[in-house]
Full PDB file with SEQRES, HELIX, SHEET, SSBOND, CRYST1, ORIGX, SCALE, CONECT and MASTER records, all heavy atoms in Angstrom:
SEQRES   1 A   30  GLU THR LEU GLU GLU ASN LEU GLU LYS GLY VAL ARG TYR          
SEQRES   2 A   30  CYS ARG LYS ALA LYS GLU ASN GLY ALA ASP ILE ALA LEU          
SEQRES   3 A   30  PHE PRO GLU MET                                              
HELIX    1 AA1 LEU A    3  GLU A   19  1                                  17    
CRYST1    1.000    1.000    1.000  90.00  90.00  90.00 P 1           1          
ORIGX1      1.000000  0.000000  0.000000        0.00000                         
ORIGX2      0.000000  1.000000  0.000000        0.00000                         
ORIGX3      0.000000  0.000000  1.000000        0.00000                         
SCALE1      1.000000  0.000000  0.000000        0.00000                         
SCALE2      0.000000  1.000000  0.000000        0.00000                         
SCALE3      0.000000  0.000000  1.000000        0.00000                         
ATOM      1  N   GLU A   1     -24.201   2.300  81.785  1.00  0.00           N  
ATOM      2  CA  GLU A   1     -24.131   3.610  81.245  1.00  0.00           C  
ATOM      3  C   GLU A   1     -23.169   3.657  79.990  1.00  0.00           C  
ATOM      4  O   GLU A   1     -23.250   4.474  79.136  1.00  0.00           O  
ATOM      5  CB  GLU A   1     -23.631   4.564  82.318  1.00  0.00           C  
ATOM      6  CG  GLU A   1     -24.437   4.932  83.354  1.00  0.00           C  
ATOM      7  CD  GLU A   1     -25.758   5.571  82.936  1.00  0.00           C  
ATOM      8  OE1 GLU A   1     -25.638   6.501  82.068  1.00  0.00           O  
ATOM      9  OE2 GLU A   1     -26.861   5.298  83.357  1.00  0.00           O  
ATOM     10  N   THR A   2     -22.224   2.539  80.002  1.00  0.00           N  
ATOM     11  CA  THR A   2     -21.257   2.639  78.888  1.00  0.00           C  
ATOM     12  C   THR A   2     -21.280   1.301  78.116  1.00  0.00           C  
ATOM     13  O   THR A   2     -21.714   0.256  78.619  1.00  0.00           O  
ATOM     14  CB  THR A   2     -19.824   2.904  79.359  1.00  0.00           C  
ATOM     15  OG1 THR A   2     -19.496   1.731  80.276  1.00  0.00           O  
ATOM     16  CG2 THR A   2     -19.817   4.212  80.362  1.00  0.00           C  
ATOM     17  N   LEU A   3     -20.668   1.310  76.906  1.00  0.00           N  
ATOM     18  CA  LEU A   3     -20.483   0.171  76.074  1.00  0.00           C  
ATOM     19  C   LEU A   3     -19.625  -0.909  76.854  1.00  0.00           C  
ATOM     20  O   LEU A   3     -19.989  -2.124  76.931  1.00  0.00           O  
ATOM     21  CB  LEU A   3     -19.808   0.507  74.812  1.00  0.00           C  
ATOM     22  CG  LEU A   3     -19.537  -0.669  73.795  1.00  0.00           C  
ATOM     23  CD1 LEU A   3     -20.779  -1.148  73.146  1.00  0.00           C  
ATOM     24  CD2 LEU A   3     -18.435  -0.244  72.693  1.00  0.00           C  
ATOM     25  N   GLU A   4     -18.616  -0.442  77.524  1.00  0.00           N  
ATOM     26  CA  GLU A   4     -17.798  -1.397  78.163  1.00  0.00           C  
ATOM     27  C   GLU A   4     -18.469  -2.077  79.403  1.00  0.00           C  
ATOM     28  O   GLU A   4     -18.344  -3.284  79.576  1.00  0.00           O  
ATOM     29  CB  GLU A   4     -16.505  -0.642  78.757  1.00  0.00           C  
ATOM     30  CG  GLU A   4     -15.561  -0.136  77.707  1.00  0.00           C  
ATOM     31  CD  GLU A   4     -16.137   1.091  76.846  1.00  0.00           C  
ATOM     32  OE1 GLU A   4     -17.000   1.768  77.438  1.00  0.00           O  
ATOM     33  OE2 GLU A   4     -15.689   1.263  75.696  1.00  0.00           O  
ATOM     34  N   GLU A   5     -19.308  -1.334  80.031  1.00  0.00           N  
ATOM     35  CA  GLU A   5     -20.058  -1.876  81.146  1.00  0.00           C  
ATOM     36  C   GLU A   5     -21.123  -2.895  80.661  1.00  0.00           C  
ATOM     37  O   GLU A   5     -21.292  -4.007  81.204  1.00  0.00           O  
ATOM     38  CB  GLU A   5     -20.749  -0.796  81.981  1.00  0.00           C  
ATOM     39  CG  GLU A   5     -19.794   0.025  82.782  1.00  0.00           C  
ATOM     40  CD  GLU A   5     -20.516   1.199  83.477  1.00  0.00           C  
ATOM     41  OE1 GLU A   5     -21.334   1.856  82.810  1.00  0.00           O  
ATOM     42  OE2 GLU A   5     -20.265   1.425  84.697  1.00  0.00           O  
ATOM     43  N   ASN A   6     -21.719  -2.515  79.531  1.00  0.00           N  
ATOM     44  CA  ASN A   6     -22.726  -3.435  78.901  1.00  0.00           C  
ATOM     45  C   ASN A   6     -22.128  -4.775  78.437  1.00  0.00           C  
ATOM     46  O   ASN A   6     -22.552  -5.826  78.575  1.00  0.00           O  
ATOM     47  CB  ASN A   6     -23.451  -2.772  77.855  1.00  0.00           C  
ATOM     48  CG  ASN A   6     -24.452  -1.737  78.260  1.00  0.00           C  
ATOM     49  OD1 ASN A   6     -24.904  -1.896  79.412  1.00  0.00           O  
ATOM     50  ND2 ASN A   6     -24.881  -0.760  77.442  1.00  0.00           N  
ATOM     51  N   LEU A   7     -20.877  -4.579  77.917  1.00  0.00           N  
ATOM     52  CA  LEU A   7     -20.144  -5.769  77.475  1.00  0.00           C  
ATOM     53  C   LEU A   7     -19.895  -6.695  78.656  1.00  0.00           C  
ATOM     54  O   LEU A   7     -20.115  -7.866  78.589  1.00  0.00           O  
ATOM     55  CB  LEU A   7     -18.802  -5.351  76.860  1.00  0.00           C  
ATOM     56  CG  LEU A   7     -17.794  -6.453  76.440  1.00  0.00           C  
ATOM     57  CD1 LEU A   7     -18.435  -7.374  75.470  1.00  0.00           C  
ATOM     58  CD2 LEU A   7     -16.480  -5.903  75.848  1.00  0.00           C  
ATOM     59  N   GLU A   8     -19.342  -6.082  79.809  1.00  0.00           N  
ATOM     60  CA  GLU A   8     -19.029  -6.872  80.867  1.00  0.00           C  
ATOM     61  C   GLU A   8     -20.182  -7.489  81.549  1.00  0.00           C  
ATOM     62  O   GLU A   8     -20.226  -8.719  81.926  1.00  0.00           O  
ATOM     63  CB  GLU A   8     -18.317  -5.975  82.011  1.00  0.00           C  
ATOM     64  CG  GLU A   8     -17.755  -6.706  83.220  1.00  0.00           C  
ATOM     65  CD  GLU A   8     -18.867  -6.993  84.232  1.00  0.00           C  
ATOM     66  OE1 GLU A   8     -19.793  -6.259  84.396  1.00  0.00           O  
ATOM     67  OE2 GLU A   8     -18.761  -8.054  85.027  1.00  0.00           O  
ATOM     68  N   LYS A   9     -21.314  -6.833  81.687  1.00  0.00           N  
ATOM     69  CA  LYS A   9     -22.551  -7.413  82.232  1.00  0.00           C  
ATOM     70  C   LYS A   9     -23.178  -8.510  81.303  1.00  0.00           C  
ATOM     71  O   LYS A   9     -23.573  -9.509  81.765  1.00  0.00           O  
ATOM     72  CB  LYS A   9     -23.471  -6.275  82.529  1.00  0.00           C  
ATOM     73  CG  LYS A   9     -24.786  -6.857  83.172  1.00  0.00           C  
ATOM     74  CD  LYS A   9     -25.762  -5.607  83.667  1.00  0.00           C  
ATOM     75  CE  LYS A   9     -26.986  -6.254  84.328  1.00  0.00           C  
ATOM     76  NZ  LYS A   9     -27.884  -5.106  84.929  1.00  0.00           N  
ATOM     77  N   GLY A  10     -23.062  -8.189  79.997  1.00  0.00           N  
ATOM     78  CA  GLY A  10     -23.548  -9.125  79.022  1.00  0.00           C  
ATOM     79  C   GLY A  10     -22.838 -10.498  79.103  1.00  0.00           C  
ATOM     80  O   GLY A  10     -23.490 -11.596  79.129  1.00  0.00           O  
ATOM     81  N   VAL A  11     -21.528 -10.395  79.293  1.00  0.00           N  
ATOM     82  CA  VAL A  11     -20.711 -11.602  79.370  1.00  0.00           C  
ATOM     83  C   VAL A  11     -21.046 -12.363  80.566  1.00  0.00           C  
ATOM     84  O   VAL A  11     -21.168 -13.564  80.587  1.00  0.00           O  
ATOM     85  CB  VAL A  11     -19.168 -11.251  79.259  1.00  0.00           C  
ATOM     86  CG1 VAL A  11     -18.297 -12.472  79.698  1.00  0.00           C  
ATOM     87  CG2 VAL A  11     -18.740 -10.793  77.826  1.00  0.00           C  
ATOM     88  N   ARG A  12     -21.186 -11.635  81.664  1.00  0.00           N  
ATOM     89  CA  ARG A  12     -21.465 -12.257  82.987  1.00  0.00           C  
ATOM     90  C   ARG A  12     -22.818 -12.948  82.923  1.00  0.00           C  
ATOM     91  O   ARG A  12     -22.923 -13.999  83.435  1.00  0.00           O  
ATOM     92  CB  ARG A  12     -21.457 -11.173  84.002  1.00  0.00           C  
ATOM     93  CG  ARG A  12     -21.772 -11.618  85.479  1.00  0.00           C  
ATOM     94  CD  ARG A  12     -21.149 -10.625  86.453  1.00  0.00           C  
ATOM     95  NE  ARG A  12     -21.303  -9.179  86.099  1.00  0.00           N  
ATOM     96  CZ  ARG A  12     -22.454  -8.529  86.461  1.00  0.00           C  
ATOM     97  NH1 ARG A  12     -23.393  -9.021  87.203  1.00  0.00           N  
ATOM     98  NH2 ARG A  12     -22.515  -7.273  86.058  1.00  0.00           N  
ATOM     99  N   TYR A  13     -23.764 -12.387  82.410  1.00  0.00           N  
ATOM    100  CA  TYR A  13     -25.118 -13.072  82.329  1.00  0.00           C  
ATOM    101  C   TYR A  13     -25.128 -14.119  81.322  1.00  0.00           C  
ATOM    102  O   TYR A  13     -25.912 -15.135  81.493  1.00  0.00           O  
ATOM    103  CB  TYR A  13     -26.237 -11.965  81.991  1.00  0.00           C  
ATOM    104  CG  TYR A  13     -26.714 -11.315  83.342  1.00  0.00           C  
ATOM    105  CD1 TYR A  13     -26.058 -10.344  83.951  1.00  0.00           C  
ATOM    106  CD2 TYR A  13     -27.837 -11.895  83.942  1.00  0.00           C  
ATOM    107  CE1 TYR A  13     -26.575  -9.757  85.143  1.00  0.00           C  
ATOM    108  CE2 TYR A  13     -28.351 -11.434  85.136  1.00  0.00           C  
ATOM    109  CZ  TYR A  13     -27.670 -10.342  85.704  1.00  0.00           C  
ATOM    110  OH  TYR A  13     -28.098  -9.784  86.918  1.00  0.00           O  
ATOM    111  N   CYS A  14     -24.368 -14.188  80.268  1.00  0.00           N  
ATOM    112  CA  CYS A  14     -24.305 -15.304  79.336  1.00  0.00           C  
ATOM    113  C   CYS A  14     -23.695 -16.494  80.117  1.00  0.00           C  
ATOM    114  O   CYS A  14     -24.150 -17.660  79.972  1.00  0.00           O  
ATOM    115  CB  CYS A  14     -23.393 -14.934  78.187  1.00  0.00           C  
ATOM    116  SG  CYS A  14     -24.191 -14.088  76.845  1.00  0.00           S  
ATOM    117  N   ARG A  15     -22.655 -16.228  80.981  1.00  0.00           N  
ATOM    118  CA  ARG A  15     -22.081 -17.368  81.713  1.00  0.00           C  
ATOM    119  C   ARG A  15     -23.127 -17.907  82.728  1.00  0.00           C  
ATOM    120  O   ARG A  15     -23.143 -19.088  82.892  1.00  0.00           O  
ATOM    121  CB  ARG A  15     -20.859 -16.786  82.467  1.00  0.00           C  
ATOM    122  CG  ARG A  15     -19.745 -16.418  81.533  1.00  0.00           C  
ATOM    123  CD  ARG A  15     -18.409 -16.206  82.313  1.00  0.00           C  
ATOM    124  NE  ARG A  15     -17.346 -15.739  81.459  1.00  0.00           N  
ATOM    125  CZ  ARG A  15     -16.526 -16.633  80.717  1.00  0.00           C  
ATOM    126  NH1 ARG A  15     -16.848 -17.921  80.730  1.00  0.00           N  
ATOM    127  NH2 ARG A  15     -15.635 -16.122  79.910  1.00  0.00           N  
ATOM    128  N   LYS A  16     -23.864 -17.024  83.315  1.00  0.00           N  
ATOM    129  CA  LYS A  16     -24.916 -17.476  84.302  1.00  0.00           C  
ATOM    130  C   LYS A  16     -25.993 -18.376  83.543  1.00  0.00           C  
ATOM    131  O   LYS A  16     -26.513 -19.301  84.004  1.00  0.00           O  
ATOM    132  CB  LYS A  16     -25.621 -16.339  84.970  1.00  0.00           C  
ATOM    133  CG  LYS A  16     -24.769 -15.589  86.024  1.00  0.00           C  
ATOM    134  CD  LYS A  16     -25.563 -14.491  86.613  1.00  0.00           C  
ATOM    135  CE  LYS A  16     -24.851 -13.776  87.701  1.00  0.00           C  
ATOM    136  NZ  LYS A  16     -25.563 -12.630  88.286  1.00  0.00           N  
ATOM    137  N   ALA A  17     -26.292 -17.901  82.266  1.00  0.00           N  
ATOM    138  CA  ALA A  17     -27.296 -18.660  81.514  1.00  0.00           C  
ATOM    139  C   ALA A  17     -26.731 -20.044  81.221  1.00  0.00           C  
ATOM    140  O   ALA A  17     -27.547 -21.004  81.375  1.00  0.00           O  
ATOM    141  CB  ALA A  17     -27.644 -17.868  80.273  1.00  0.00           C  
ATOM    142  N   LYS A  18     -25.526 -20.161  80.772  1.00  0.00           N  
ATOM    143  CA  LYS A  18     -24.883 -21.475  80.564  1.00  0.00           C  
ATOM    144  C   LYS A  18     -24.932 -22.313  81.858  1.00  0.00           C  
ATOM    145  O   LYS A  18     -25.194 -23.527  81.777  1.00  0.00           O  
ATOM    146  CB  LYS A  18     -23.497 -21.210  80.000  1.00  0.00           C  
ATOM    147  CG  LYS A  18     -22.812 -22.522  79.732  1.00  0.00           C  
ATOM    148  CD  LYS A  18     -23.554 -23.372  78.569  1.00  0.00           C  
ATOM    149  CE  LYS A  18     -22.857 -24.599  78.263  1.00  0.00           C  
ATOM    150  NZ  LYS A  18     -23.505 -25.333  77.145  1.00  0.00           N  
ATOM    151  N   GLU A  19     -24.566 -21.757  83.030  1.00  0.00           N  
ATOM    152  CA  GLU A  19     -24.619 -22.447  84.241  1.00  0.00           C  
ATOM    153  C   GLU A  19     -26.047 -23.082  84.496  1.00  0.00           C  
ATOM    154  O   GLU A  19     -26.095 -24.059  85.203  1.00  0.00           O  
ATOM    155  CB  GLU A  19     -24.139 -21.573  85.334  1.00  0.00           C  
ATOM    156  CG  GLU A  19     -22.714 -21.234  85.317  1.00  0.00           C  
ATOM    157  CD  GLU A  19     -22.282 -20.072  86.444  1.00  0.00           C  
ATOM    158  OE1 GLU A  19     -23.261 -19.734  87.133  1.00  0.00           O  
ATOM    159  OE2 GLU A  19     -21.188 -19.724  86.342  1.00  0.00           O  
ATOM    160  N   ASN A  20     -27.049 -22.337  84.008  1.00  0.00           N  
ATOM    161  CA  ASN A  20     -28.367 -22.829  84.193  1.00  0.00           C  
ATOM    162  C   ASN A  20     -28.890 -23.704  83.041  1.00  0.00           C  
ATOM    163  O   ASN A  20     -30.026 -24.052  82.948  1.00  0.00           O  
ATOM    164  CB  ASN A  20     -29.307 -21.620  84.306  1.00  0.00           C  
ATOM    165  CG  ASN A  20     -29.177 -20.924  85.664  1.00  0.00           C  
ATOM    166  OD1 ASN A  20     -29.195 -21.610  86.685  1.00  0.00           O  
ATOM    167  ND2 ASN A  20     -29.034 -19.645  85.610  1.00  0.00           N  
ATOM    168  N   GLY A  21     -27.927 -24.128  82.141  1.00  0.00           N  
ATOM    169  CA  GLY A  21     -28.236 -25.123  81.164  1.00  0.00           C  
ATOM    170  C   GLY A  21     -28.733 -24.641  79.785  1.00  0.00           C  
ATOM    171  O   GLY A  21     -29.216 -25.436  78.989  1.00  0.00           O  
ATOM    172  N   ALA A  22     -28.628 -23.353  79.534  1.00  0.00           N  
ATOM    173  CA  ALA A  22     -29.168 -22.697  78.360  1.00  0.00           C  
ATOM    174  C   ALA A  22     -28.336 -23.127  77.099  1.00  0.00           C  
ATOM    175  O   ALA A  22     -27.176 -23.393  77.089  1.00  0.00           O  
ATOM    176  CB  ALA A  22     -29.051 -21.155  78.391  1.00  0.00           C  
ATOM    177  N   ASP A  23     -29.130 -23.396  76.073  1.00  0.00           N  
ATOM    178  CA  ASP A  23     -28.601 -23.710  74.699  1.00  0.00           C  
ATOM    179  C   ASP A  23     -28.512 -22.396  73.865  1.00  0.00           C  
ATOM    180  O   ASP A  23     -27.716 -22.280  72.864  1.00  0.00           O  
ATOM    181  CB  ASP A  23     -29.472 -24.642  73.885  1.00  0.00           C  
ATOM    182  CG  ASP A  23     -29.523 -25.998  74.664  1.00  0.00           C  
ATOM    183  OD1 ASP A  23     -28.533 -26.625  74.935  1.00  0.00           O  
ATOM    184  OD2 ASP A  23     -30.671 -26.456  75.069  1.00  0.00           O  
ATOM    185  N   ILE A  24     -29.389 -21.381  74.159  1.00  0.00           N  
ATOM    186  CA  ILE A  24     -29.329 -20.124  73.438  1.00  0.00           C  
ATOM    187  C   ILE A  24     -29.621 -19.012  74.509  1.00  0.00           C  
ATOM    188  O   ILE A  24     -30.455 -19.200  75.367  1.00  0.00           O  
ATOM    189  CB  ILE A  24     -30.552 -20.125  72.436  1.00  0.00           C  
ATOM    190  CG1 ILE A  24     -30.461 -21.152  71.383  1.00  0.00           C  
ATOM    191  CG2 ILE A  24     -30.517 -18.644  71.683  1.00  0.00           C  
ATOM    192  CD1 ILE A  24     -31.669 -21.213  70.371  1.00  0.00           C  
ATOM    193  N   ALA A  25     -28.855 -17.970  74.256  1.00  0.00           N  
ATOM    194  CA  ALA A  25     -29.024 -16.816  75.213  1.00  0.00           C  
ATOM    195  C   ALA A  25     -29.379 -15.587  74.322  1.00  0.00           C  
ATOM    196  O   ALA A  25     -28.691 -15.280  73.309  1.00  0.00           O  
ATOM    197  CB  ALA A  25     -27.820 -16.486  76.035  1.00  0.00           C  
ATOM    198  N   LEU A  26     -30.566 -14.915  74.569  1.00  0.00           N  
ATOM    199  CA  LEU A  26     -30.972 -13.799  73.820  1.00  0.00           C  
ATOM    200  C   LEU A  26     -31.004 -12.451  74.724  1.00  0.00           C  
ATOM    201  O   LEU A  26     -31.396 -12.520  75.770  1.00  0.00           O  
ATOM    202  CB  LEU A  26     -32.377 -14.030  73.306  1.00  0.00           C  
ATOM    203  CG  LEU A  26     -32.980 -12.954  72.408  1.00  0.00           C  
ATOM    204  CD1 LEU A  26     -32.259 -12.650  71.192  1.00  0.00           C  
ATOM    205  CD2 LEU A  26     -34.425 -13.327  72.156  1.00  0.00           C  
ATOM    206  N   PHE A  27     -30.425 -11.351  74.024  1.00  0.00           N  
ATOM    207  CA  PHE A  27     -30.482 -10.065  74.659  1.00  0.00           C  
ATOM    208  C   PHE A  27     -31.743  -9.257  74.286  1.00  0.00           C  
ATOM    209  O   PHE A  27     -32.284  -9.485  73.283  1.00  0.00           O  
ATOM    210  CB  PHE A  27     -29.240  -9.352  74.306  1.00  0.00           C  
ATOM    211  CG  PHE A  27     -27.934  -9.693  75.062  1.00  0.00           C  
ATOM    212  CD1 PHE A  27     -27.136 -10.827  74.575  1.00  0.00           C  
ATOM    213  CD2 PHE A  27     -27.551  -9.122  76.235  1.00  0.00           C  
ATOM    214  CE1 PHE A  27     -26.076 -11.267  75.274  1.00  0.00           C  
ATOM    215  CE2 PHE A  27     -26.467  -9.570  76.902  1.00  0.00           C  
ATOM    216  CZ  PHE A  27     -25.677 -10.573  76.457  1.00  0.00           C  
ATOM    217  N   PRO A  28     -31.953  -8.253  75.121  1.00  0.00           N  
ATOM    218  CA  PRO A  28     -33.076  -7.294  74.641  1.00  0.00           C  
ATOM    219  C   PRO A  28     -32.550  -6.411  73.571  1.00  0.00           C  
ATOM    220  O   PRO A  28     -31.361  -6.475  73.219  1.00  0.00           O  
ATOM    221  CB  PRO A  28     -33.307  -6.372  75.956  1.00  0.00           C  
ATOM    222  CG  PRO A  28     -32.559  -6.975  77.062  1.00  0.00           C  
ATOM    223  CD  PRO A  28     -31.531  -7.863  76.479  1.00  0.00           C  
ATOM    224  N   GLU A  29     -33.437  -5.692  73.028  1.00  0.00           N  
ATOM    225  CA  GLU A  29     -33.230  -4.765  71.801  1.00  0.00           C  
ATOM    226  C   GLU A  29     -32.000  -3.753  72.086  1.00  0.00           C  
ATOM    227  O   GLU A  29     -31.940  -3.076  73.021  1.00  0.00           O  
ATOM    228  CB  GLU A  29     -34.359  -4.116  71.394  1.00  0.00           C  
ATOM    229  CG  GLU A  29     -34.371  -3.270  70.112  1.00  0.00           C  
ATOM    230  CD  GLU A  29     -35.694  -2.686  69.810  1.00  0.00           C  
ATOM    231  OE1 GLU A  29     -36.660  -2.760  70.706  1.00  0.00           O  
ATOM    232  OE2 GLU A  29     -35.838  -2.172  68.791  1.00  0.00           O  
ATOM    233  N   MET A  30     -31.051  -3.618  71.077  1.00  0.00           N  
ATOM    234  CA  MET A  30     -30.064  -2.655  71.156  1.00  0.00           C  
ATOM    235  C   MET A  30     -29.263  -2.639  72.418  1.00  0.00           C  
ATOM    236  O   MET A  30     -28.964  -1.660  73.063  1.00  0.00           O  
ATOM    237  CB  MET A  30     -30.598  -1.313  70.789  1.00  0.00           C  
ATOM    238  CG  MET A  30     -29.610  -0.400  70.036  1.00  0.00           C  
ATOM    239  SD  MET A  30     -30.296   1.185  69.765  1.00  0.00           S  
ATOM    240  CE  MET A  30     -31.516   0.887  68.544  1.00  0.00           C  
TER     241      MET A  30                                                      
MASTER        0    0    0    1    0    0    0    6  240    1    0    3          
END                                                                             
């Protein structure tokens, strides 16, 4: 619902992507 929550969730999922060996992480639009 908020910018702060999207920031926190985005960071968390980037970390998960790295744990899975990702070289690039891409978000959906806006």
